[in-house]
Protein backbone atom coordinates (compact mmCIF):
# COMPACT_ATOMS: atom_id res chain seq x y z
CA MET A 1 0.00 0.00 0.00
CA ALA A 2 1.43 3.38 -0.97
CA PRO A 3 1.85 5.93 1.82
CA THR A 4 -0.40 8.94 1.82
CA VAL A 5 0.66 12.34 2.94
CA ALA A 6 -1.62 14.11 5.39
CA SER A 7 -1.20 16.71 8.06
CA THR A 8 -2.95 17.51 11.31
CA ASP A 9 -3.31 20.20 13.93
CA THR A 10 -3.74 17.67 16.75
CA PRO A 11 -2.49 14.10 17.16
CA SER A 12 -6.06 12.80 17.53
CA MET A 13 -7.03 13.77 13.98
CA PRO A 14 -4.45 12.36 11.52
CA GLU A 15 -6.65 12.91 8.45
CA ARG A 16 -6.69 16.72 8.81
CA THR A 17 -4.28 19.07 7.09
CA GLY A 18 -1.93 21.34 9.01
CA THR A 19 1.34 21.19 10.84
CA CYS A 20 2.87 19.08 13.58
CA PRO A 21 1.25 19.68 16.98
CA ASN A 22 4.66 19.26 18.65
CA CYS A 23 7.07 21.42 16.64
CA LYS A 24 4.40 23.55 14.86
CA GLN A 25 6.58 23.58 11.71
CA GLY A 26 6.77 20.10 10.20
CA ASP A 27 4.42 18.46 7.75
CA LEU A 28 2.91 15.15 8.83
CA ILE A 29 3.15 11.89 6.91
CA THR A 30 0.34 9.39 7.52
CA ILE A 31 0.44 5.72 6.51
CA SER A 32 -2.56 3.41 6.89
CA LEU A 33 -2.04 -0.34 7.24
CA ALA A 34 -3.68 -3.51 8.48
CA VAL A 35 -2.01 -5.58 11.22
CA SER A 36 -3.63 -8.76 12.54
CA ASP A 37 -6.93 -7.77 10.89
CA ARG A 38 -6.86 -4.35 12.60
CA ASP A 39 -6.72 -1.07 10.71
CA LEU A 40 -3.91 1.09 12.06
CA THR A 41 -2.62 4.51 11.10
CA PHE A 42 0.95 5.65 11.68
CA THR A 43 1.65 9.39 11.64
CA THR A 44 5.06 11.03 11.86
CA CYS A 45 6.37 14.57 11.55
CA HIS A 46 8.76 15.03 8.64
CA LEU A 47 10.74 17.68 10.58
CA CYS A 48 10.90 16.71 14.29
CA GLU A 49 10.18 12.97 13.79
CA SER A 50 7.43 12.81 16.45
CA LYS A 51 5.35 9.66 15.96
CA TRP A 52 1.79 8.54 16.74
CA TRP A 53 -0.23 5.36 16.20
CA TYR A 54 -4.04 5.28 15.86
CA GLN A 55 -6.61 2.50 15.84
CA ALA A 56 -10.21 3.35 14.93
CA GLY A 57 -9.30 7.04 15.15
CA GLU A 58 -8.04 6.73 18.74
CA LEU A 59 -4.45 7.32 19.79
CA VAL A 60 -2.83 4.04 20.92
CA PRO A 61 0.55 3.41 22.54
CA LEU A 62 3.35 1.79 20.55
CA SER A 63 3.24 -1.19 22.96
CA SER A 64 -0.30 -1.99 21.73
CA VAL A 65 0.91 -2.00 18.13
CA ILE A 66 3.86 -4.25 19.03
CA ASP A 67 1.48 -6.63 20.80
CA LEU A 68 -0.60 -6.92 17.60
CA VAL A 69 2.49 -7.71 15.51
CA VAL A 70 3.88 -10.22 18.01
CA LYS A 71 0.54 -12.08 18.27
CA LYS A 72 0.48 -12.58 14.50
């Protein structure tokens, strides 16, 4: 699946356009993928490299994503 570029004003809304909520300067890159039959979205700032994971539109910790991958 090809990555899509999207930006956001807040980490809870990865589909919105805008700038990084942490550095206020970087553009966000958002990649959607399926892991263990779950739809996940990874968002990172191109400038400061802040990262977020979402499941069903909700922010989830990296440990939850790792658990999904390990269980597979």
